[in-house]
Amino acid sequence: PGDGREFVVTVPDAVKVRAEDGRSVAGVDLSPFIRNL
């Protein structure tokens, strides 16, 4: 209470996605977005 966002609610499984240069990736299927390298 008092935060100002008490009744700002989002579905509980929402995920914020961003670019992240330099991170590691292990065995992920990127083919929907990247293919034919």
PDB file of all heavy atoms in Angstrom:
ATOM      1  N   PRO A   1       0.824  -1.201   0.000  1.00  0.00           N
ATOM      2  CA  PRO A   1       0.000   0.000   0.000  1.00  0.00           C
ATOM      3  C   PRO A   1       0.862   1.256   0.000  1.00  0.00           C
ATOM      4  O   PRO A   1       1.861   1.347   0.711  1.00  0.00           O
ATOM      5  CB  PRO A   1      -0.802  -0.131   1.296  1.00  0.00           C
ATOM      6  CG  PRO A   1      -0.869  -1.602   1.555  1.00  0.00           C
ATOM      7  CD  PRO A   1       0.459  -2.137   1.096  1.00  0.00           C
ATOM      8  N   GLY A   2       0.463   2.219  -0.838  1.00  0.00           N
ATOM      9  CA  GLY A   2       1.223   3.450  -0.953  1.00  0.00           C
ATOM     10  C   GLY A   2       2.259   3.437  -2.052  1.00  0.00           C
ATOM     11  O   GLY A   2       2.857   4.473  -2.362  1.00  0.00           O
ATOM     12  N   ASP A   3       2.480   2.284  -2.676  1.00  0.00           N
ATOM     13  CA  ASP A   3       3.474   2.189  -3.738  1.00  0.00           C
ATOM     14  C   ASP A   3       3.021   2.912  -5.005  1.00  0.00           C
ATOM     15  O   ASP A   3       3.836   3.381  -5.785  1.00  0.00           O
ATOM     16  CB  ASP A   3       3.749   0.723  -4.063  1.00  0.00           C
ATOM     17  CG  ASP A   3       4.627   0.546  -5.281  1.00  0.00           C
ATOM     18  OD1 ASP A   3       5.855   0.694  -5.136  1.00  0.00           O
ATOM     19  OD2 ASP A   3       4.095   0.297  -6.378  1.00  0.00           O
ATOM     20  N   GLY A   4       1.725   2.993  -5.218  1.00  0.00           N
ATOM     21  CA  GLY A   4       1.198   3.602  -6.433  1.00  0.00           C
ATOM     22  C   GLY A   4       0.860   2.591  -7.509  1.00  0.00           C
ATOM     23  O   GLY A   4       0.127   2.890  -8.442  1.00  0.00           O
ATOM     24  N   ARG A   5       1.402   1.376  -7.392  1.00  0.00           N
ATOM     25  CA  ARG A   5       1.139   0.332  -8.391  1.00  0.00           C
ATOM     26  C   ARG A   5       0.395  -0.848  -7.772  1.00  0.00           C
ATOM     27  O   ARG A   5       0.480  -1.973  -8.274  1.00  0.00           O
ATOM     28  CB  ARG A   5       2.465  -0.149  -8.993  1.00  0.00           C
ATOM     29  CG  ARG A   5       3.286   0.946  -9.671  1.00  0.00           C
ATOM     30  CD  ARG A   5       4.685   0.480 -10.014  1.00  0.00           C
ATOM     31  NE  ARG A   5       5.452   0.192  -8.801  1.00  0.00           N
ATOM     32  CZ  ARG A   5       6.731  -0.195  -8.791  1.00  0.00           C
ATOM     33  NH1 ARG A   5       7.380  -0.335  -9.928  1.00  0.00           N
ATOM     34  NH2 ARG A   5       7.358  -0.438  -7.650  1.00  0.00           N
ATOM     35  N   GLU A   6      -0.333  -0.580  -6.692  1.00  0.00           N
ATOM     36  CA  GLU A   6      -1.016  -1.668  -5.990  1.00  0.00           C
ATOM     37  C   GLU A   6      -1.945  -2.454  -6.902  1.00  0.00           C
ATOM     38  O   GLU A   6      -2.111  -3.660  -6.741  1.00  0.00           O
ATOM     39  CB  GLU A   6      -1.825  -1.126  -4.810  1.00  0.00           C
ATOM     40  CG  GLU A   6      -0.996  -0.471  -3.720  1.00  0.00           C
ATOM     41  CD  GLU A   6      -0.911   1.042  -3.896  1.00  0.00           C
ATOM     42  OE1 GLU A   6      -0.696   1.488  -5.040  1.00  0.00           O
ATOM     43  OE2 GLU A   6      -1.047   1.763  -2.889  1.00  0.00           O
ATOM     44  N   PHE A   7      -2.580  -1.756  -7.858  1.00  0.00           N
ATOM     45  CA  PHE A   7      -3.521  -2.429  -8.748  1.00  0.00           C
ATOM     46  C   PHE A   7      -3.092  -2.300 -10.207  1.00  0.00           C
ATOM     47  O   PHE A   7      -3.906  -2.121 -11.102  1.00  0.00           O
ATOM     48  CB  PHE A   7      -4.932  -1.886  -8.513  1.00  0.00           C
ATOM     49  CG  PHE A   7      -5.390  -2.093  -7.094  1.00  0.00           C
ATOM     50  CD1 PHE A   7      -5.615  -1.013  -6.258  1.00  0.00           C
ATOM     51  CD2 PHE A   7      -5.547  -3.368  -6.584  1.00  0.00           C
ATOM     52  CE1 PHE A   7      -6.006  -1.210  -4.938  1.00  0.00           C
ATOM     53  CE2 PHE A   7      -5.936  -3.573  -5.271  1.00  0.00           C
ATOM     54  CZ  PHE A   7      -6.165  -2.482  -4.438  1.00  0.00           C
ATOM     55  N   VAL A   8      -1.781  -2.412 -10.403  1.00  0.00           N
ATOM     56  CA  VAL A   8      -1.218  -2.628 -11.732  1.00  0.00           C
ATOM     57  C   VAL A   8      -0.813  -4.092 -11.762  1.00  0.00           C
ATOM     58  O   VAL A   8       0.163  -4.490 -11.110  1.00  0.00           O
ATOM     59  CB  VAL A   8       0.003  -1.723 -11.997  1.00  0.00           C
ATOM     60  CG1 VAL A   8       0.587  -2.002 -13.379  1.00  0.00           C
ATOM     61  CG2 VAL A   8      -0.376  -0.259 -11.858  1.00  0.00           C
ATOM     62  N   VAL A   9      -1.565  -4.910 -12.468  1.00  0.00           N
ATOM     63  CA  VAL A   9      -1.326  -6.352 -12.437  1.00  0.00           C
ATOM     64  C   VAL A   9      -1.186  -6.887 -13.855  1.00  0.00           C
ATOM     65  O   VAL A   9      -1.826  -6.413 -14.792  1.00  0.00           O
ATOM     66  CB  VAL A   9      -2.444  -7.113 -11.690  1.00  0.00           C
ATOM     67  CG1 VAL A   9      -2.501  -6.707 -10.228  1.00  0.00           C
ATOM     68  CG2 VAL A   9      -3.786  -6.893 -12.350  1.00  0.00           C
ATOM     69  N   THR A  10      -0.347  -7.883 -13.984  1.00  0.00           N
ATOM     70  CA  THR A  10      -0.054  -8.535 -15.259  1.00  0.00           C
ATOM     71  C   THR A  10      -0.201 -10.030 -15.061  1.00  0.00           C
ATOM     72  O   THR A  10      -0.034 -10.534 -13.940  1.00  0.00           O
ATOM     73  CB  THR A  10       1.387  -8.194 -15.698  1.00  0.00           C
ATOM     74  OG1 THR A  10       1.581  -6.787 -15.604  1.00  0.00           O
ATOM     75  CG2 THR A  10       1.652  -8.638 -17.125  1.00  0.00           C
ATOM     76  N   VAL A  11      -0.510 -10.754 -16.124  1.00  0.00           N
ATOM     77  CA  VAL A  11      -0.594 -12.218 -15.998  1.00  0.00           C
ATOM     78  C   VAL A  11       0.692 -12.734 -15.352  1.00  0.00           C
ATOM     79  O   VAL A  11       1.784 -12.222 -15.623  1.00  0.00           O
ATOM     80  CB  VAL A  11      -0.830 -12.884 -17.366  1.00  0.00           C
ATOM     81  CG1 VAL A  11      -2.255 -12.659 -17.844  1.00  0.00           C
ATOM     82  CG2 VAL A  11       0.173 -12.418 -18.417  1.00  0.00           C
ATOM     83  N   PRO A  12       0.591 -13.718 -14.470  1.00  0.00           N
ATOM     84  CA  PRO A  12       1.728 -14.080 -13.615  1.00  0.00           C
ATOM     85  C   PRO A  12       2.924 -14.684 -14.339  1.00  0.00           C
ATOM     86  O   PRO A  12       4.018 -14.733 -13.773  1.00  0.00           O
ATOM     87  CB  PRO A  12       1.130 -15.088 -12.633  1.00  0.00           C
ATOM     88  CG  PRO A  12      -0.097 -15.601 -13.291  1.00  0.00           C
ATOM     89  CD  PRO A  12      -0.622 -14.482 -14.116  1.00  0.00           C
ATOM     90  N   ASP A  13       2.751 -15.137 -15.590  1.00  0.00           N
ATOM     91  CA  ASP A  13       3.874 -15.745 -16.311  1.00  0.00           C
ATOM     92  C   ASP A  13       4.469 -14.809 -17.356  1.00  0.00           C
ATOM     93  O   ASP A  13       5.225 -15.251 -18.228  1.00  0.00           O
ATOM     94  CB  ASP A  13       3.448 -17.062 -16.958  1.00  0.00           C
ATOM     95  CG  ASP A  13       2.298 -16.885 -17.950  1.00  0.00           C
ATOM     96  OD1 ASP A  13       1.834 -15.743 -18.147  1.00  0.00           O
ATOM     97  OD2 ASP A  13       1.861 -17.900 -18.537  1.00  0.00           O
ATOM     98  N   ALA A  14       4.159 -13.511 -17.296  1.00  0.00           N
ATOM     99  CA  ALA A  14       4.707 -12.551 -18.259  1.00  0.00           C
ATOM    100  C   ALA A  14       6.227 -12.493 -18.156  1.00  0.00           C
ATOM    101  O   ALA A  14       6.784 -12.538 -17.063  1.00  0.00           O
ATOM    102  CB  ALA A  14       4.108 -11.165 -18.018  1.00  0.00           C
ATOM    103  N   VAL A  15       6.895 -12.372 -19.297  1.00  0.00           N
ATOM    104  CA  VAL A  15       8.357 -12.350 -19.334  1.00  0.00           C
ATOM    105  C   VAL A  15       8.843 -11.131 -20.109  1.00  0.00           C
ATOM    106  O   VAL A  15       8.447 -10.926 -21.256  1.00  0.00           O
ATOM    107  CB  VAL A  15       8.929 -13.631 -19.973  1.00  0.00           C
ATOM    108  CG1 VAL A  15      10.448 -13.539 -20.098  1.00  0.00           C
ATOM    109  CG2 VAL A  15       8.544 -14.857 -19.146  1.00  0.00           C
ATOM    110  N   LYS A  16       9.709 -10.339 -19.470  1.00  0.00           N
ATOM    111  CA  LYS A  16      10.377  -9.226 -20.146  1.00  0.00           C
ATOM    112  C   LYS A  16      11.580  -9.787 -20.907  1.00  0.00           C
ATOM    113  O   LYS A  16      12.405 -10.489 -20.344  1.00  0.00           O
ATOM    114  CB  LYS A  16      10.835  -8.199 -19.116  1.00  0.00           C
ATOM    115  CG  LYS A  16      11.702  -7.070 -19.686  1.00  0.00           C
ATOM    116  CD  LYS A  16      10.888  -6.111 -20.524  1.00  0.00           C
ATOM    117  CE  LYS A  16      11.755  -4.976 -21.083  1.00  0.00           C
ATOM    118  NZ  LYS A  16      12.355  -4.142 -20.021  1.00  0.00           N
ATOM    119  N   VAL A  17      11.665  -9.437 -22.190  1.00  0.00           N
ATOM    120  CA  VAL A  17      12.709  -9.952 -23.064  1.00  0.00           C
ATOM    121  C   VAL A  17      13.534  -8.793 -23.595  1.00  0.00           C
ATOM    122  O   VAL A  17      12.986  -7.739 -23.951  1.00  0.00           O
ATOM    123  CB  VAL A  17      12.088 -10.744 -24.239  1.00  0.00           C
ATOM    124  CG1 VAL A  17      13.136 -11.103 -25.272  1.00  0.00           C
ATOM    125  CG2 VAL A  17      11.403 -12.004 -23.729  1.00  0.00           C
ATOM    126  N   ARG A  18      14.838  -8.987 -23.661  1.00  0.00           N
ATOM    127  CA  ARG A  18      15.721  -7.952 -24.180  1.00  0.00           C
ATOM    128  C   ARG A  18      16.948  -8.587 -24.833  1.00  0.00           C
ATOM    129  O   ARG A  18      17.191  -9.782 -24.682  1.00  0.00           O
ATOM    130  CB  ARG A  18      16.173  -7.020 -23.057  1.00  0.00           C
ATOM    131  CG  ARG A  18      16.919  -7.708 -21.928  1.00  0.00           C
ATOM    132  CD  ARG A  18      17.521  -6.706 -20.976  1.00  0.00           C
ATOM    133  NE  ARG A  18      18.549  -5.912 -21.658  1.00  0.00           N
ATOM    134  CZ  ARG A  18      18.994  -4.743 -21.199  1.00  0.00           C
ATOM    135  NH1 ARG A  18      18.516  -4.232 -20.094  1.00  0.00           N
ATOM    136  NH2 ARG A  18      19.922  -4.091 -21.851  1.00  0.00           N
ATOM    137  N   ALA A  19      17.690  -7.778 -25.572  1.00  0.00           N
ATOM    138  CA  ALA A  19      18.974  -8.223 -26.103  1.00  0.00           C
ATOM    139  C   ALA A  19      19.990  -8.273 -24.973  1.00  0.00           C
ATOM    140  O   ALA A  19      19.921  -7.492 -24.024  1.00  0.00           O
ATOM    141  CB  ALA A  19      19.442  -7.278 -27.204  1.00  0.00           C
ATOM    142  N   GLU A  20      20.947  -9.178 -25.101  1.00  0.00           N
ATOM    143  CA  GLU A  20      21.914  -9.395 -24.020  1.00  0.00           C
ATOM    144  C   GLU A  20      23.238  -9.836 -24.626  1.00  0.00           C
ATOM    145  O   GLU A  20      23.583 -11.019 -24.585  1.00  0.00           O
ATOM    146  CB  GLU A  20      21.357 -10.434 -23.050  1.00  0.00           C
ATOM    147  CG  GLU A  20      22.116 -10.601 -21.778  1.00  0.00           C
ATOM    148  CD  GLU A  20      21.477 -11.637 -20.878  1.00  0.00           C
ATOM    149  OE1 GLU A  20      20.350 -12.113 -21.170  1.00  0.00           O
ATOM    150  OE2 GLU A  20      22.103 -11.995 -19.865  1.00  0.00           O
ATOM    151  N   ASP A  21      23.953  -8.904 -25.186  1.00  0.00           N
ATOM    152  CA  ASP A  21      25.231  -9.224 -25.830  1.00  0.00           C
ATOM    153  C   ASP A  21      26.157  -9.980 -24.886  1.00  0.00           C
ATOM    154  O   ASP A  21      26.332  -9.593 -23.732  1.00  0.00           O
ATOM    155  CB  ASP A  21      25.937  -7.942 -26.272  1.00  0.00           C
ATOM    156  CG  ASP A  21      25.243  -7.288 -27.454  1.00  0.00           C
ATOM    157  OD1 ASP A  21      24.999  -7.979 -28.446  1.00  0.00           O
ATOM    158  OD2 ASP A  21      24.946  -6.080 -27.373  1.00  0.00           O
ATOM    159  N   GLY A  22      26.743 -11.059 -25.386  1.00  0.00           N
ATOM    160  CA  GLY A  22      27.772 -11.760 -24.642  1.00  0.00           C
ATOM    161  C   GLY A  22      27.297 -12.889 -23.765  1.00  0.00           C
ATOM    162  O   GLY A  22      28.120 -13.585 -23.164  1.00  0.00           O
ATOM    163  N   ARG A  23      25.979 -13.118 -23.658  1.00  0.00           N
ATOM    164  CA  ARG A  23      25.518 -14.202 -22.798  1.00  0.00           C
ATOM    165  C   ARG A  23      25.755 -15.544 -23.472  1.00  0.00           C
ATOM    166  O   ARG A  23      25.935 -15.645 -24.691  1.00  0.00           O
ATOM    167  CB  ARG A  23      24.039 -14.049 -22.435  1.00  0.00           C
ATOM    168  CG  ARG A  23      23.067 -14.166 -23.601  1.00  0.00           C
ATOM    169  CD  ARG A  23      21.671 -14.583 -23.158  1.00  0.00           C
ATOM    170  NE  ARG A  23      21.632 -15.997 -22.807  1.00  0.00           N
ATOM    171  CZ  ARG A  23      20.489 -16.678 -22.639  1.00  0.00           C
ATOM    172  NH1 ARG A  23      19.319 -16.083 -22.762  1.00  0.00           N
ATOM    173  NH2 ARG A  23      20.519 -17.958 -22.339  1.00  0.00           N
ATOM    174  N   SER A  24      25.751 -16.593 -22.677  1.00  0.00           N
ATOM    175  CA  SER A  24      25.898 -17.937 -23.216  1.00  0.00           C
ATOM    176  C   SER A  24      24.526 -18.504 -23.562  1.00  0.00           C
ATOM    177  O   SER A  24      23.507 -18.138 -22.969  1.00  0.00           O
ATOM    178  CB  SER A  24      26.603 -18.847 -22.210  1.00  0.00           C
ATOM    179  OG  SER A  24      25.851 -18.933 -21.015  1.00  0.00           O
ATOM    180  N   VAL A  25      24.500 -19.390 -24.521  1.00  0.00           N
ATOM    181  CA  VAL A  25      23.282 -20.069 -24.964  1.00  0.00           C
ATOM    182  C   VAL A  25      23.620 -21.546 -25.115  1.00  0.00           C
ATOM    183  O   VAL A  25      24.659 -21.890 -25.687  1.00  0.00           O
ATOM    184  CB  VAL A  25      22.778 -19.501 -26.307  1.00  0.00           C
ATOM    185  CG1 VAL A  25      21.564 -20.282 -26.805  1.00  0.00           C
ATOM    186  CG2 VAL A  25      22.422 -18.019 -26.173  1.00  0.00           C
ATOM    187  N   ALA A  26      22.739 -22.420 -24.610  1.00  0.00           N
ATOM    188  CA  ALA A  26      23.024 -23.858 -24.621  1.00  0.00           C
ATOM    189  C   ALA A  26      21.901 -24.635 -25.304  1.00  0.00           C
ATOM    190  O   ALA A  26      20.836 -24.836 -24.722  1.00  0.00           O
ATOM    191  CB  ALA A  26      23.226 -24.377 -23.198  1.00  0.00           C
ATOM    192  N   GLY A  27      22.127 -25.031 -26.543  1.00  0.00           N
ATOM    193  CA  GLY A  27      21.233 -25.962 -27.231  1.00  0.00           C
ATOM    194  C   GLY A  27      19.833 -25.449 -27.472  1.00  0.00           C
ATOM    195  O   GLY A  27      18.881 -26.234 -27.443  1.00  0.00           O
ATOM    196  N   VAL A  28      19.675 -24.165 -27.753  1.00  0.00           N
ATOM    197  CA  VAL A  28      18.346 -23.576 -27.942  1.00  0.00           C
ATOM    198  C   VAL A  28      17.977 -23.596 -29.425  1.00  0.00           C
ATOM    199  O   VAL A  28      18.819 -23.339 -30.302  1.00  0.00           O
ATOM    200  CB  VAL A  28      18.306 -22.129 -27.403  1.00  0.00           C
ATOM    201  CG1 VAL A  28      16.946 -21.487 -27.657  1.00  0.00           C
ATOM    202  CG2 VAL A  28      18.620 -22.125 -25.908  1.00  0.00           C
ATOM    203  N   ASP A  29      16.712 -23.887 -29.708  1.00  0.00           N
ATOM    204  CA  ASP A  29      16.214 -23.886 -31.082  1.00  0.00           C
ATOM    205  C   ASP A  29      15.891 -22.453 -31.499  1.00  0.00           C
ATOM    206  O   ASP A  29      14.858 -21.904 -31.139  1.00  0.00           O
ATOM    207  CB  ASP A  29      14.966 -24.762 -31.181  1.00  0.00           C
ATOM    208  CG  ASP A  29      14.405 -24.821 -32.609  1.00  0.00           C
ATOM    209  OD1 ASP A  29      15.035 -24.248 -33.523  1.00  0.00           O
ATOM    210  OD2 ASP A  29      13.343 -25.441 -32.785  1.00  0.00           O
ATOM    211  N   LEU A  30      16.777 -21.851 -32.259  1.00  0.00           N
ATOM    212  CA  LEU A  30      16.582 -20.474 -32.727  1.00  0.00           C
ATOM    213  C   LEU A  30      15.955 -20.414 -34.109  1.00  0.00           C
ATOM    214  O   LEU A  30      15.763 -19.318 -34.649  1.00  0.00           O
ATOM    215  CB  LEU A  30      17.928 -19.738 -32.758  1.00  0.00           C
ATOM    216  CG  LEU A  30      18.746 -19.676 -31.477  1.00  0.00           C
ATOM    217  CD1 LEU A  30      19.975 -18.790 -31.695  1.00  0.00           C
ATOM    218  CD2 LEU A  30      17.919 -19.166 -30.321  1.00  0.00           C
ATOM    219  N   SER A  31      15.639 -21.564 -34.709  1.00  0.00           N
ATOM    220  CA  SER A  31      15.235 -21.594 -36.111  1.00  0.00           C
ATOM    221  C   SER A  31      14.003 -20.760 -36.453  1.00  0.00           C
ATOM    222  O   SER A  31      13.892 -20.310 -37.596  1.00  0.00           O
ATOM    223  CB  SER A  31      15.039 -23.043 -36.566  1.00  0.00           C
ATOM    224  OG  SER A  31      14.001 -23.677 -35.827  1.00  0.00           O
ATOM    225  N   PRO A  32      13.059 -20.509 -35.531  1.00  0.00           N
ATOM    226  CA  PRO A  32      11.967 -19.607 -35.910  1.00  0.00           C
ATOM    227  C   PRO A  32      12.438 -18.196 -36.244  1.00  0.00           C
ATOM    228  O   PRO A  32      11.759 -17.478 -36.974  1.00  0.00           O
ATOM    229  CB  PRO A  32      11.072 -19.606 -34.657  1.00  0.00           C
ATOM    230  CG  PRO A  32      11.361 -20.897 -33.987  1.00  0.00           C
ATOM    231  CD  PRO A  32      12.827 -21.119 -34.207  1.00  0.00           C
ATOM    232  N   PHE A  33      13.592 -17.813 -35.725  1.00  0.00           N
ATOM    233  CA  PHE A  33      14.086 -16.453 -35.919  1.00  0.00           C
ATOM    234  C   PHE A  33      15.410 -16.396 -36.685  1.00  0.00           C
ATOM    235  O   PHE A  33      15.695 -15.400 -37.349  1.00  0.00           O
ATOM    236  CB  PHE A  33      14.272 -15.770 -34.567  1.00  0.00           C
ATOM    237  CG  PHE A  33      13.017 -15.664 -33.763  1.00  0.00           C
ATOM    238  CD1 PHE A  33      12.784 -16.524 -32.696  1.00  0.00           C
ATOM    239  CD2 PHE A  33      12.048 -14.722 -34.073  1.00  0.00           C
ATOM    240  CE1 PHE A  33      11.619 -16.439 -31.951  1.00  0.00           C
ATOM    241  CE2 PHE A  33      10.882 -14.634 -33.336  1.00  0.00           C
ATOM    242  CZ  PHE A  33      10.663 -15.491 -32.268  1.00  0.00           C
ATOM    243  N   ILE A  34      16.235 -17.424 -36.567  1.00  0.00           N
ATOM    244  CA  ILE A  34      17.561 -17.413 -37.199  1.00  0.00           C
ATOM    245  C   ILE A  34      17.802 -18.773 -37.832  1.00  0.00           C
ATOM    246  O   ILE A  34      17.687 -19.808 -37.172  1.00  0.00           O
ATOM    247  CB  ILE A  34      18.662 -17.105 -36.165  1.00  0.00           C
ATOM    248  CG1 ILE A  34      18.411 -15.747 -35.494  1.00  0.00           C
ATOM    249  CG2 ILE A  34      20.038 -17.130 -36.829  1.00  0.00           C
ATOM    250  CD1 ILE A  34      19.360 -15.442 -34.357  1.00  0.00           C
ATOM    251  N   ARG A  35      18.162 -18.762 -39.110  1.00  0.00           N
ATOM    252  CA  ARG A  35      18.472 -20.010 -39.798  1.00  0.00           C
ATOM    253  C   ARG A  35      19.365 -19.709 -41.000  1.00  0.00           C
ATOM    254  O   ARG A  35      19.588 -18.554 -41.345  1.00  0.00           O
ATOM    255  CB  ARG A  35      17.200 -20.736 -40.244  1.00  0.00           C
ATOM    256  CG  ARG A  35      16.330 -19.944 -41.212  1.00  0.00           C
ATOM    257  CD  ARG A  35      15.136 -20.756 -41.693  1.00  0.00           C
ATOM    258  NE  ARG A  35      14.200 -21.006 -40.621  1.00  0.00           N
ATOM    259  CZ  ARG A  35      13.110 -21.770 -40.761  1.00  0.00           C
ATOM    260  NH1 ARG A  35      12.860 -22.361 -41.923  1.00  0.00           N
ATOM    261  NH2 ARG A  35      12.276 -21.950 -39.761  1.00  0.00           N
ATOM    262  N   ASN A  36      19.899 -20.772 -41.605  1.00  0.00           N
ATOM    263  CA  ASN A  36      20.735 -20.652 -42.801  1.00  0.00           C
ATOM    264  C   ASN A  36      21.942 -19.751 -42.564  1.00  0.00           C
ATOM    265  O   ASN A  36      22.243 -18.848 -43.352  1.00  0.00           O
ATOM    266  CB  ASN A  36      19.919 -20.122 -43.988  1.00  0.00           C
ATOM    267  CG  ASN A  36      18.744 -21.027 -44.325  1.00  0.00           C
ATOM    268  OD1 ASN A  36      18.850 -22.251 -44.227  1.00  0.00           O
ATOM    269  ND2 ASN A  36      17.633 -20.418 -44.708  1.00  0.00           N
ATOM    270  N   LEU A  37      22.639 -19.983 -41.447  1.00  0.00           N
ATOM    271  CA  LEU A  37      23.846 -19.203 -41.173  1.00  0.00           C
ATOM    272  C   LEU A  37      24.930 -19.555 -42.202  1.00  0.00           C
ATOM    273  O   LEU A  37      25.043 -20.707 -42.634  1.00  0.00           O
ATOM    274  CB  LEU A  37      24.363 -19.500 -39.766  1.00  0.00           C
ATOM    275  CG  LEU A  37      23.469 -19.021 -38.604  1.00  0.00           C
ATOM    276  CD1 LEU A  37      24.081 -19.455 -37.285  1.00  0.00           C
ATOM    277  CD2 LEU A  37      23.282 -17.524 -38.646  1.00  0.00           C
TER     278      LEU A  37
END
